[in-house]
Protein backbone atom coordinates (compact mmCIF):
# COMPACT_ATOMS: atom_id res chain seq x y z
CA MET A 1 131.50 100.91 96.03
CA THR A 2 132.43 97.26 94.88
CA PRO A 3 130.91 94.41 96.63
CA ASP A 4 134.31 93.21 97.96
CA LEU A 5 134.67 96.60 99.79
CA ALA A 6 131.00 96.65 101.16
CA ALA A 7 131.67 93.04 102.50
CA GLN A 8 135.06 94.17 104.08
CA MET A 9 133.24 97.50 105.40
CA LEU A 10 130.37 95.34 106.89
CA ALA A 11 132.80 92.89 108.72
CA GLU A 12 134.81 95.37 110.01
CA THR A 13 132.41 97.78 111.30
CA ILE A 14 128.99 96.45 111.67
CA LEU A 15 129.22 92.58 112.42
CA PRO A 16 131.41 93.02 115.68
CA ARG A 17 128.46 95.19 116.91
CA VAL A 18 125.54 92.88 115.95
CA THR A 19 123.80 89.91 117.57
CA VAL A 20 121.92 87.83 115.23
CA ILE A 21 118.65 86.48 116.84
CA GLU A 22 116.83 83.86 114.91
CA LEU A 23 113.34 82.62 115.15
CA SER A 24 112.75 79.02 115.45
CA THR A 25 110.36 77.27 113.11
CA ASP A 26 107.70 76.93 116.04
CA GLU A 27 108.05 80.74 116.63
CA ILE A 28 107.65 81.72 113.05
CA MET A 29 104.41 79.58 112.82
CA ALA A 30 103.08 80.83 116.01
CA SER A 31 103.73 84.28 115.18
CA LEU A 32 102.24 83.94 111.58
CA SER A 33 99.00 82.98 113.47
CA ILE A 34 99.31 86.31 115.78
CA ALA A 35 99.99 88.18 112.74
CA GLN A 36 96.97 87.20 110.88
CA SER A 37 94.69 88.07 113.78
CA ARG A 38 96.27 91.48 114.09
CA GLY A 39 95.70 91.91 110.33
CA VAL A 40 99.28 92.28 109.46
CA ARG A 41 99.65 91.40 105.65
CA GLY A 42 102.08 91.45 103.11
CA GLY A 43 105.61 93.04 103.46
CA CYS A 44 104.68 94.09 107.11
CA VAL A 45 104.97 90.53 108.07
CA TYR A 46 108.48 90.97 107.60
CA ASP A 47 108.56 94.04 109.86
CA TYR A 48 106.58 91.85 112.33
CA MET A 49 109.06 89.10 112.53
CA HIS A 50 112.10 91.89 112.95
CA LEU A 51 109.98 93.09 115.86
CA LEU A 52 109.69 89.73 117.33
CA ALA A 53 113.26 88.85 116.97
CA ALA A 54 113.94 92.17 118.84
CA LYS A 55 111.69 91.26 121.71
CA LYS A 56 113.26 87.78 121.93
CA GLY A 57 116.72 89.26 122.07
CA ASN A 58 115.51 91.63 124.81
CA ALA A 59 116.17 94.88 122.69
CA SER A 60 114.71 97.93 124.43
CA LEU A 61 114.93 99.82 121.18
CA ILE A 62 114.33 99.37 117.47
CA TYR A 63 115.66 101.90 114.74
CA THR A 64 113.80 102.06 111.67
CA LEU A 65 113.06 104.31 108.57
CA ASN A 66 109.63 102.65 108.24
CA MET A 67 108.02 104.24 111.20
CA ASP A 68 104.39 103.84 110.02
CA ASP A 69 104.58 100.02 109.76
CA PHE A 70 106.41 99.25 113.11
CA GLN A 71 103.93 101.97 115.07
CA HIS A 72 100.91 100.04 113.55
CA LEU A 73 102.42 96.67 114.60
CA HIS A 74 103.71 97.88 118.27
CA ARG A 75 102.08 96.67 121.34
CA GLY A 76 102.92 97.87 124.84
CA ASP A 77 105.58 95.19 126.08
CA ASP A 78 107.33 95.52 122.49
CA PRO A 79 110.64 97.37 122.21
CA GLU A 80 110.56 101.39 121.64
CA VAL A 81 110.55 102.27 117.89
CA GLN A 82 112.58 105.30 116.67
CA LEU A 83 114.00 106.99 113.71
CA PRO A 84 117.99 106.60 113.40
């Protein structure tokens, strides 16, 4: 698949169904402190940020192929985590 075709497919099929949730600088800095206290390190920090953005967007469910990391990060009031 060419990059142009991939971009076209994303624009036509995915983007109309997606809401982008951004974390502010203050939210990121605060969450990094919390991540450290929870022992979140390395690439898991990115998963943790995805979890926080989903929570901020009031998502009830996160689909991931990376269940182990998300289950490690999950707390009771976080969105449910499932395989697609």
